[in-house]
Amino acid sequence: MKHYLITLFIMLLLSGALVSCATSEERAAQQAETALAVEKALADRHYRIIIQRMNPRRSSMVSLSYGYSLEVKGDTLVSYLPYYGRAFNVPYGGGKGLNFTERIRSYQSWRLKKGGTHVELVVKNDEDTYLYMLDVFDNGRALLELQMQEREGISYDGDVDLSKKKDAEE
């Protein structure tokens, strides 16, 4: 009986080890698929960042639950972002803020050593000139630093929206 229990215990350990190996292989495959989808979206210049948190300079982080986003569609930027901070020279009533669609004037990107891509793009409208500095990591996380001439800088973080890419492939 004792020999039977030892054999049963060893079998359970081995089956648990096999299940964890399969799970880690699936996880690695999922991570590779996500990294490939992120890289392709950035290379095509068609991606959307769902913004989850706002980090104003003079205040603490704010979690966002509404559908704020930053979208690049070829040579066009769709910015739908909240803003909280100091404004130096803006139109009466606040103007457009960070909610606009404009042509991208400059777009540069390069790979980061830590596994991701850094994107810098410049947009100008009738209110201000904007420098969007975006770090997109292979796991789909994104950090956005925004500098403007007429407003204090602000940063955001969120995730690359890969749902459209997956739906289009199926």
N, C-alpha and C. Protein backbone atom coordinates (compact mmCIF):
# COMPACT_ATOMS: atom_id res chain seq x y z
N MET A 1 0.82 -1.20 0.00
CA MET A 1 0.00 0.00 0.00
C MET A 1 0.87 1.27 0.00
N LYS A 2 1.94 1.23 0.82
CA LYS A 2 2.83 2.38 0.90
C LYS A 2 3.51 2.63 -0.44
N HIS A 3 3.92 1.56 -1.11
CA HIS A 3 4.56 1.66 -2.43
C HIS A 3 3.57 2.27 -3.45
N TYR A 4 2.32 1.90 -3.35
CA TYR A 4 1.27 2.42 -4.24
C TYR A 4 1.09 3.93 -4.05
N LEU A 5 1.10 4.41 -2.79
CA LEU A 5 0.94 5.83 -2.50
C LEU A 5 2.13 6.63 -3.01
N ILE A 6 3.33 6.09 -2.87
CA ILE A 6 4.52 6.78 -3.37
C ILE A 6 4.47 6.89 -4.89
N THR A 7 4.07 5.81 -5.56
CA THR A 7 3.95 5.82 -7.02
C THR A 7 2.89 6.83 -7.46
N LEU A 8 1.77 6.86 -6.77
CA LEU A 8 0.69 7.80 -7.09
C LEU A 8 1.18 9.24 -6.91
N PHE A 9 1.91 9.51 -5.83
CA PHE A 9 2.43 10.84 -5.57
C PHE A 9 3.40 11.28 -6.67
N ILE A 10 4.28 10.39 -7.08
CA ILE A 10 5.24 10.69 -8.16
C ILE A 10 4.51 10.95 -9.47
N MET A 11 3.48 10.18 -9.77
CA MET A 11 2.69 10.37 -10.99
C MET A 11 2.01 11.74 -10.98
N LEU A 12 1.47 12.14 -9.82
CA LEU A 12 0.82 13.45 -9.71
C LEU A 12 1.84 14.57 -9.92
N LEU A 13 3.02 14.45 -9.36
CA LEU A 13 4.05 15.46 -9.55
C LEU A 13 4.45 15.58 -11.02
N LEU A 14 4.63 14.44 -11.68
CA LEU A 14 5.01 14.45 -13.09
C LEU A 14 3.91 15.05 -13.96
N SER A 15 2.67 14.71 -13.68
CA SER A 15 1.58 15.27 -14.49
C SER A 15 1.46 16.78 -14.27
N GLY A 16 1.68 17.23 -13.04
CA GLY A 16 1.68 18.67 -12.76
C GLY A 16 2.79 19.38 -13.49
N ALA A 17 3.97 18.77 -13.55
CA ALA A 17 5.10 19.36 -14.27
C ALA A 17 4.80 19.46 -15.75
N LEU A 18 4.18 18.44 -16.32
CA LEU A 18 3.84 18.46 -17.75
C LEU A 18 2.82 19.54 -18.06
N VAL A 19 1.83 19.71 -17.19
CA VAL A 19 0.81 20.74 -17.40
C VAL A 19 1.45 22.12 -17.32
N SER A 20 2.36 22.34 -16.35
CA SER A 20 2.99 23.66 -16.25
C SER A 20 3.89 23.94 -17.44
N CYS A 21 4.53 22.92 -18.01
CA CYS A 21 5.35 23.12 -19.21
C CYS A 21 4.47 23.53 -20.39
N ALA A 22 3.34 22.87 -20.54
CA ALA A 22 2.43 23.21 -21.63
C ALA A 22 1.91 24.63 -21.45
N THR A 23 1.61 25.01 -20.22
CA THR A 23 1.11 26.35 -19.96
C THR A 23 2.17 27.39 -20.27
N SER A 24 3.42 27.15 -19.88
CA SER A 24 4.48 28.13 -20.16
C SER A 24 4.77 28.21 -21.66
N GLU A 25 4.65 27.10 -22.38
CA GLU A 25 4.82 27.13 -23.84
C GLU A 25 3.70 27.93 -24.49
N GLU A 26 2.47 27.74 -24.01
CA GLU A 26 1.35 28.51 -24.55
C GLU A 26 1.53 29.99 -24.26
N ARG A 27 2.00 30.31 -23.05
CA ARG A 27 2.22 31.70 -22.67
C ARG A 27 3.30 32.32 -23.56
N ALA A 28 4.38 31.58 -23.81
CA ALA A 28 5.46 32.09 -24.66
C ALA A 28 4.97 32.30 -26.09
N ALA A 29 4.13 31.38 -26.58
CA ALA A 29 3.56 31.53 -27.92
C ALA A 29 2.65 32.76 -27.99
N GLN A 30 1.86 32.98 -26.94
CA GLN A 30 0.97 34.15 -26.89
C GLN A 30 1.78 35.44 -26.86
N GLN A 31 2.86 35.45 -26.08
CA GLN A 31 3.71 36.65 -26.00
C GLN A 31 4.37 36.94 -27.34
N ALA A 32 4.81 35.90 -28.03
CA ALA A 32 5.43 36.08 -29.35
C ALA A 32 4.41 36.60 -30.35
N GLU A 33 3.19 36.09 -30.28
CA GLU A 33 2.12 36.55 -31.18
C GLU A 33 1.78 38.02 -30.92
N THR A 34 1.71 38.40 -29.65
CA THR A 34 1.43 39.79 -29.29
C THR A 34 2.55 40.70 -29.77
N ALA A 35 3.80 40.30 -29.56
CA ALA A 35 4.94 41.11 -29.99
C ALA A 35 4.94 41.30 -31.51
N LEU A 36 4.61 40.25 -32.24
CA LEU A 36 4.55 40.33 -33.69
C LEU A 36 3.42 41.26 -34.15
N ALA A 37 2.26 41.16 -33.50
CA ALA A 37 1.12 42.02 -33.85
C ALA A 37 1.44 43.49 -33.56
N VAL A 38 2.09 43.76 -32.42
CA VAL A 38 2.46 45.13 -32.08
C VAL A 38 3.47 45.68 -33.09
N GLU A 39 4.48 44.88 -33.41
CA GLU A 39 5.49 45.31 -34.37
C GLU A 39 4.89 45.60 -35.74
N LYS A 40 3.97 44.75 -36.19
CA LYS A 40 3.32 44.95 -37.49
C LYS A 40 2.46 46.22 -37.49
N ALA A 41 1.71 46.43 -36.41
CA ALA A 41 0.86 47.63 -36.33
C ALA A 41 1.72 48.90 -36.38
N LEU A 42 2.83 48.89 -35.66
CA LEU A 42 3.72 50.07 -35.67
C LEU A 42 4.36 50.27 -37.04
N ALA A 43 4.76 49.18 -37.67
CA ALA A 43 5.39 49.29 -39.00
C ALA A 43 4.39 49.79 -40.04
N ASP A 44 3.12 49.38 -39.92
CA ASP A 44 2.08 49.82 -40.85
C ASP A 44 1.57 51.22 -40.54
N ARG A 45 1.92 51.75 -39.37
CA ARG A 45 1.42 53.04 -38.90
C ARG A 45 -0.11 53.06 -38.81
N HIS A 46 -0.65 51.96 -38.35
CA HIS A 46 -2.09 51.86 -38.09
C HIS A 46 -2.26 51.18 -36.75
N TYR A 47 -2.39 52.00 -35.71
CA TYR A 47 -2.55 51.45 -34.36
C TYR A 47 -3.32 52.43 -33.49
N ARG A 48 -3.84 51.87 -32.41
CA ARG A 48 -4.63 52.65 -31.46
C ARG A 48 -4.16 52.30 -30.06
N ILE A 49 -3.92 53.32 -29.25
CA ILE A 49 -3.52 53.13 -27.86
C ILE A 49 -4.73 53.50 -26.99
N ILE A 50 -5.20 52.55 -26.21
CA ILE A 50 -6.29 52.80 -25.27
C ILE A 50 -5.64 53.35 -23.99
N ILE A 51 -5.97 54.58 -23.64
CA ILE A 51 -5.36 55.25 -22.50
C ILE A 51 -6.11 54.86 -21.22
N GLN A 52 -5.34 54.42 -20.22
CA GLN A 52 -5.93 53.97 -18.96
C GLN A 52 -5.60 54.89 -17.78
N ARG A 53 -4.46 55.59 -17.86
CA ARG A 53 -4.06 56.48 -16.77
C ARG A 53 -3.46 57.76 -17.31
N MET A 54 -3.71 58.85 -16.57
CA MET A 54 -3.18 60.16 -16.91
C MET A 54 -2.27 60.59 -15.75
N ASN A 55 -1.11 61.13 -16.07
CA ASN A 55 -0.15 61.55 -15.05
C ASN A 55 0.19 63.03 -15.23
N PRO A 56 -0.63 63.92 -14.67
CA PRO A 56 -0.33 65.35 -14.77
C PRO A 56 0.95 65.70 -14.00
N ARG A 57 1.61 66.78 -14.40
CA ARG A 57 2.86 67.19 -13.76
C ARG A 57 2.66 67.62 -12.30
N ARG A 58 1.59 68.34 -12.03
CA ARG A 58 1.41 68.93 -10.71
C ARG A 58 0.34 68.22 -9.88
N SER A 59 0.04 67.01 -10.22
CA SER A 59 -0.99 66.29 -9.49
C SER A 59 -0.67 64.80 -9.52
N SER A 60 -1.43 64.03 -8.80
CA SER A 60 -1.19 62.59 -8.78
C SER A 60 -1.86 61.91 -9.97
N MET A 61 -1.49 60.67 -10.19
CA MET A 61 -2.02 59.89 -11.30
C MET A 61 -3.55 59.76 -11.19
N VAL A 62 -4.20 59.77 -12.35
CA VAL A 62 -5.65 59.63 -12.41
C VAL A 62 -5.99 58.43 -13.29
N SER A 63 -6.73 57.48 -12.75
CA SER A 63 -7.19 56.34 -13.56
C SER A 63 -8.37 56.79 -14.40
N LEU A 64 -8.39 56.35 -15.65
CA LEU A 64 -9.44 56.75 -16.58
C LEU A 64 -10.29 55.54 -16.94
N SER A 65 -11.59 55.72 -16.98
CA SER A 65 -12.46 54.60 -17.34
C SER A 65 -13.22 54.86 -18.64
N TYR A 66 -13.14 56.07 -19.14
CA TYR A 66 -13.82 56.40 -20.39
C TYR A 66 -12.93 56.03 -21.56
N GLY A 67 -13.42 56.00 -22.76
CA GLY A 67 -12.70 55.53 -23.93
C GLY A 67 -11.70 56.49 -24.53
N TYR A 68 -10.76 57.00 -23.74
CA TYR A 68 -9.73 57.89 -24.26
C TYR A 68 -8.71 57.09 -25.06
N SER A 69 -8.22 57.69 -26.14
CA SER A 69 -7.29 56.95 -26.99
C SER A 69 -6.43 57.90 -27.82
N LEU A 70 -5.39 57.31 -28.38
CA LEU A 70 -4.52 57.97 -29.35
C LEU A 70 -4.44 57.01 -30.52
N GLU A 71 -4.76 57.50 -31.72
CA GLU A 71 -4.79 56.61 -32.88
C GLU A 71 -3.97 57.20 -34.02
N VAL A 72 -3.14 56.34 -34.61
CA VAL A 72 -2.36 56.71 -35.79
C VAL A 72 -2.94 55.94 -36.96
N LYS A 73 -3.34 56.69 -37.99
CA LYS A 73 -3.89 56.10 -39.22
C LYS A 73 -3.07 56.62 -40.39
N GLY A 74 -1.95 55.95 -40.66
CA GLY A 74 -1.07 56.39 -41.74
C GLY A 74 -0.42 57.71 -41.40
N ASP A 75 -0.81 58.78 -42.11
CA ASP A 75 -0.22 60.09 -41.85
C ASP A 75 -1.15 61.00 -41.05
N THR A 76 -2.13 60.41 -40.35
CA THR A 76 -3.10 61.17 -39.57
C THR A 76 -3.08 60.71 -38.11
N LEU A 77 -3.18 61.68 -37.21
CA LEU A 77 -3.25 61.40 -35.79
C LEU A 77 -4.63 61.79 -35.28
N VAL A 78 -5.27 60.88 -34.56
CA VAL A 78 -6.53 61.16 -33.89
C VAL A 78 -6.24 61.15 -32.40
N SER A 79 -6.27 62.33 -31.80
CA SER A 79 -5.98 62.48 -30.38
C SER A 79 -7.27 62.73 -29.63
N TYR A 80 -7.61 61.84 -28.71
CA TYR A 80 -8.79 62.01 -27.86
C TYR A 80 -8.33 61.75 -26.42
N LEU A 81 -7.74 62.82 -25.82
CA LEU A 81 -7.12 62.69 -24.51
C LEU A 81 -7.63 63.76 -23.56
N PRO A 82 -7.76 63.42 -22.29
CA PRO A 82 -8.10 64.44 -21.30
C PRO A 82 -6.85 65.23 -20.95
N TYR A 83 -7.03 66.44 -20.46
CA TYR A 83 -5.87 67.23 -20.06
C TYR A 83 -6.14 67.87 -18.71
N TYR A 84 -5.14 67.82 -17.85
CA TYR A 84 -5.18 68.50 -16.57
C TYR A 84 -3.80 69.08 -16.32
N GLY A 85 -3.72 70.38 -16.28
CA GLY A 85 -2.43 71.02 -16.07
C GLY A 85 -2.51 72.50 -16.36
N ARG A 86 -1.36 73.13 -16.36
CA ARG A 86 -1.27 74.57 -16.56
C ARG A 86 -1.25 74.89 -18.05
N ALA A 87 -2.09 75.83 -18.46
CA ALA A 87 -2.12 76.31 -19.84
C ALA A 87 -1.55 77.73 -19.84
N PHE A 88 -0.68 78.02 -20.79
CA PHE A 88 -0.03 79.32 -20.84
C PHE A 88 -0.75 80.29 -21.75
N ASN A 89 -1.16 79.83 -22.93
CA ASN A 89 -1.81 80.71 -23.89
C ASN A 89 -2.73 79.86 -24.76
N VAL A 90 -3.99 79.78 -24.37
CA VAL A 90 -4.96 78.98 -25.13
C VAL A 90 -6.19 79.83 -25.41
N PRO A 91 -6.99 79.43 -26.40
CA PRO A 91 -8.20 80.19 -26.70
C PRO A 91 -9.17 80.24 -25.52
N TYR A 92 -9.97 81.28 -25.50
CA TYR A 92 -10.98 81.44 -24.46
C TYR A 92 -11.86 80.19 -24.40
N GLY A 93 -12.09 79.67 -23.23
CA GLY A 93 -12.91 78.47 -23.06
C GLY A 93 -12.10 77.19 -23.15
N GLY A 94 -10.79 77.30 -23.38
CA GLY A 94 -9.95 76.11 -23.39
C GLY A 94 -9.63 75.56 -24.76
N GLY A 95 -10.39 75.95 -25.77
CA GLY A 95 -10.12 75.46 -27.12
C GLY A 95 -10.39 73.98 -27.28
N LYS A 96 -9.69 73.36 -28.22
CA LYS A 96 -9.87 71.94 -28.51
C LYS A 96 -9.22 71.04 -27.47
N GLY A 97 -8.24 71.59 -26.77
CA GLY A 97 -7.49 70.76 -25.83
C GLY A 97 -6.69 69.72 -26.59
N LEU A 98 -6.81 68.48 -26.20
CA LEU A 98 -6.09 67.40 -26.86
C LEU A 98 -7.05 66.51 -27.64
N ASN A 99 -8.16 67.08 -28.11
CA ASN A 99 -9.16 66.35 -28.88
C ASN A 99 -9.22 66.90 -30.29
N PHE A 100 -8.49 66.24 -31.19
CA PHE A 100 -8.44 66.72 -32.57
C PHE A 100 -7.94 65.62 -33.50
N THR A 101 -8.13 65.86 -34.78
CA THR A 101 -7.59 64.99 -35.83
C THR A 101 -6.77 65.88 -36.75
N GLU A 102 -5.48 65.55 -36.88
CA GLU A 102 -4.58 66.38 -37.69
C GLU A 102 -3.59 65.51 -38.45
N ARG A 103 -3.00 66.10 -39.47
CA ARG A 103 -1.96 65.44 -40.26
C ARG A 103 -0.66 65.42 -39.45
N ILE A 104 0.05 64.31 -39.50
CA ILE A 104 1.33 64.18 -38.82
C ILE A 104 2.40 64.87 -39.65
N ARG A 105 3.11 65.80 -39.06
CA ARG A 105 4.15 66.55 -39.78
C ARG A 105 5.49 65.83 -39.77
N SER A 106 5.78 65.11 -38.70
CA SER A 106 7.04 64.38 -38.59
C SER A 106 6.79 63.09 -37.82
N TYR A 107 7.36 61.99 -38.32
CA TYR A 107 7.18 60.68 -37.68
C TYR A 107 8.51 59.94 -37.72
N GLN A 108 9.03 59.61 -36.55
CA GLN A 108 10.28 58.84 -36.45
C GLN A 108 10.06 57.72 -35.45
N SER A 109 10.66 56.56 -35.74
CA SER A 109 10.58 55.45 -34.79
C SER A 109 11.87 54.65 -34.83
N TRP A 110 12.20 54.06 -33.70
CA TRP A 110 13.36 53.18 -33.61
C TRP A 110 13.15 52.19 -32.47
N ARG A 111 13.85 51.06 -32.58
CA ARG A 111 13.75 50.00 -31.58
C ARG A 111 14.51 50.40 -30.32
N LEU A 112 13.97 50.02 -29.18
CA LEU A 112 14.60 50.24 -27.88
C LEU A 112 15.41 49.00 -27.49
N LYS A 113 16.44 49.19 -26.73
CA LYS A 113 17.25 48.07 -26.26
C LYS A 113 16.46 47.14 -25.35
N LYS A 114 15.51 47.70 -24.60
CA LYS A 114 14.77 46.92 -23.62
C LYS A 114 13.56 46.20 -24.22
N GLY A 115 13.47 46.12 -25.52
CA GLY A 115 12.38 45.37 -26.15
C GLY A 115 11.13 46.19 -26.37
N GLY A 116 11.16 47.05 -27.30
CA GLY A 116 10.02 47.88 -27.63
C GLY A 116 10.40 48.85 -28.73
N THR A 117 9.52 49.78 -29.00
CA THR A 117 9.74 50.77 -30.05
C THR A 117 9.45 52.15 -29.50
N HIS A 118 10.30 53.11 -29.82
CA HIS A 118 10.08 54.50 -29.46
C HIS A 118 9.61 55.24 -30.70
N VAL A 119 8.51 55.96 -30.57
CA VAL A 119 7.95 56.73 -31.68
C VAL A 119 7.86 58.19 -31.25
N GLU A 120 8.33 59.08 -32.12
CA GLU A 120 8.16 60.51 -31.90
C GLU A 120 7.43 61.08 -33.10
N LEU A 121 6.33 61.78 -32.83
CA LEU A 121 5.60 62.40 -33.92
C LEU A 121 5.20 63.81 -33.53
N VAL A 122 5.21 64.68 -34.53
CA VAL A 122 4.89 66.09 -34.34
C VAL A 122 3.61 66.41 -35.10
N VAL A 123 2.72 67.10 -34.41
CA VAL A 123 1.44 67.52 -34.99
C VAL A 123 1.27 69.00 -34.66
N LYS A 124 0.72 69.73 -35.60
CA LYS A 124 0.46 71.16 -35.37
C LYS A 124 -0.96 71.47 -35.81
N ASN A 125 -1.67 72.24 -34.98
CA ASN A 125 -2.97 72.75 -35.37
C ASN A 125 -3.02 74.25 -35.08
N ASP A 126 -4.18 74.86 -35.20
CA ASP A 126 -4.28 76.31 -35.03
C ASP A 126 -4.07 76.76 -33.58
N GLU A 127 -4.03 75.82 -32.62
CA GLU A 127 -3.85 76.19 -31.22
C GLU A 127 -2.43 75.96 -30.69
N ASP A 128 -1.73 74.96 -31.21
CA ASP A 128 -0.45 74.60 -30.60
C ASP A 128 0.34 73.64 -31.50
N THR A 129 1.58 73.38 -31.09
CA THR A 129 2.42 72.36 -31.70
C THR A 129 2.64 71.28 -30.64
N TYR A 130 2.46 70.02 -31.02
CA TYR A 130 2.48 68.91 -30.08
C TYR A 130 3.58 67.92 -30.46
N LEU A 131 4.33 67.48 -29.47
CA LEU A 131 5.32 66.42 -29.65
C LEU A 131 4.86 65.22 -28.82
N TYR A 132 4.46 64.17 -29.52
CA TYR A 132 4.05 62.92 -28.88
C TYR A 132 5.24 61.98 -28.87
N MET A 133 5.67 61.57 -27.68
CA MET A 133 6.77 60.61 -27.53
C MET A 133 6.19 59.35 -26.92
N LEU A 134 6.20 58.30 -27.69
CA LEU A 134 5.49 57.07 -27.34
C LEU A 134 6.47 55.90 -27.26
N ASP A 135 6.47 55.21 -26.15
CA ASP A 135 7.22 53.96 -26.00
C ASP A 135 6.22 52.82 -26.00
N VAL A 136 6.31 51.96 -26.99
CA VAL A 136 5.40 50.81 -27.11
C VAL A 136 6.24 49.56 -26.92
N PHE A 137 5.89 48.77 -25.93
CA PHE A 137 6.66 47.57 -25.61
C PHE A 137 6.05 46.36 -26.30
N ASP A 138 6.84 45.30 -26.41
CA ASP A 138 6.43 44.10 -27.14
C ASP A 138 5.20 43.43 -26.51
N ASN A 139 4.95 43.66 -25.22
CA ASN A 139 3.78 43.06 -24.57
C ASN A 139 2.50 43.89 -24.78
N GLY A 140 2.61 45.00 -25.53
CA GLY A 140 1.44 45.81 -25.83
C GLY A 140 1.25 47.00 -24.91
N ARG A 141 2.04 47.13 -23.86
CA ARG A 141 1.96 48.29 -22.98
C ARG A 141 2.53 49.51 -23.69
N ALA A 142 2.00 50.68 -23.38
CA ALA A 142 2.45 51.91 -24.02
C ALA A 142 2.54 53.04 -23.00
N LEU A 143 3.59 53.82 -23.12
CA LEU A 143 3.79 55.01 -22.30
C LEU A 143 3.86 56.21 -23.25
N LEU A 144 3.09 57.23 -22.96
CA LEU A 144 3.03 58.41 -23.82
C LEU A 144 3.44 59.64 -23.03
N GLU A 145 4.39 60.37 -23.54
CA GLU A 145 4.82 61.65 -22.98
C GLU A 145 4.44 62.70 -24.02
N LEU A 146 3.74 63.74 -23.59
CA LEU A 146 3.26 64.76 -24.51
C LEU A 146 3.80 66.12 -24.10
N GLN A 147 4.48 66.78 -25.05
CA GLN A 147 5.01 68.12 -24.80
C GLN A 147 4.34 69.08 -25.77
N MET A 148 3.99 70.26 -25.23
CA MET A 148 3.32 71.28 -26.02
C MET A 148 3.98 72.63 -25.76
N GLN A 149 3.77 73.58 -26.63
CA GLN A 149 4.33 74.91 -26.43
C GLN A 149 3.44 75.76 -25.52
N GLU A 150 2.13 75.60 -25.62
CA GLU A 150 1.20 76.47 -24.91
C GLU A 150 0.58 75.84 -23.66
N ARG A 151 0.98 74.60 -23.36
CA ARG A 151 0.47 73.91 -22.17
C ARG A 151 1.62 73.17 -21.51
N GLU A 152 1.44 72.91 -20.25
CA GLU A 152 2.40 72.11 -19.51
C GLU A 152 2.36 70.66 -19.99
N GLY A 153 3.49 69.99 -19.99
CA GLY A 153 3.55 68.60 -20.44
C GLY A 153 2.74 67.67 -19.55
N ILE A 154 2.41 66.50 -20.10
CA ILE A 154 1.62 65.51 -19.38
C ILE A 154 1.99 64.14 -19.93
N SER A 155 1.77 63.11 -19.14
CA SER A 155 2.05 61.75 -19.64
C SER A 155 0.84 60.85 -19.39
N TYR A 156 0.80 59.78 -20.15
CA TYR A 156 -0.30 58.81 -20.10
C TYR A 156 0.29 57.41 -20.23
N ASP A 157 -0.50 56.42 -19.84
CA ASP A 157 -0.11 55.05 -20.15
C ASP A 157 -1.35 54.23 -20.45
N GLY A 158 -1.14 53.18 -21.22
CA GLY A 158 -2.25 52.33 -21.65
C GLY A 158 -1.75 51.13 -22.41
N ASP A 159 -2.62 50.60 -23.27
CA ASP A 159 -2.31 49.38 -24.03
C ASP A 159 -2.64 49.57 -25.50
N VAL A 160 -1.88 48.89 -26.34
CA VAL A 160 -2.18 48.86 -27.77
C VAL A 160 -3.44 48.03 -27.95
N ASP A 161 -4.38 48.54 -28.72
CA ASP A 161 -5.62 47.82 -29.01
C ASP A 161 -5.37 46.88 -30.18
N LEU A 162 -5.27 45.58 -29.89
CA LEU A 162 -5.01 44.59 -30.93
C LEU A 162 -6.28 43.86 -31.35
N SER A 163 -7.42 44.23 -30.79
CA SER A 163 -8.67 43.51 -31.10
C SER A 163 -9.05 43.63 -32.57
N LYS A 164 -8.87 44.80 -33.18
CA LYS A 164 -9.21 44.97 -34.60
C LYS A 164 -8.31 44.13 -35.48
N LYS A 165 -7.02 44.08 -35.11
CA LYS A 165 -6.06 43.30 -35.90
C LYS A 165 -6.42 41.82 -35.89
N LYS A 166 -6.79 41.31 -34.71
CA LYS A 166 -7.14 39.89 -34.60
C LYS A 166 -8.42 39.59 -35.36
N ASP A 167 -9.41 40.51 -35.27
CA ASP A 167 -10.68 40.30 -36.00
C ASP A 167 -10.45 40.31 -37.50
N ALA A 168 -9.56 41.18 -37.98
CA ALA A 168 -9.31 41.28 -39.42
C ALA A 168 -8.59 40.05 -39.96
N GLU A 169 -7.76 39.40 -39.10
CA GLU A 169 -7.01 38.24 -39.57
C GLU A 169 -7.89 37.01 -39.67
N GLU A 170 -8.96 36.93 -38.88
CA GLU A 170 -9.80 35.73 -38.86
C GLU A 170 -10.76 35.66 -40.02
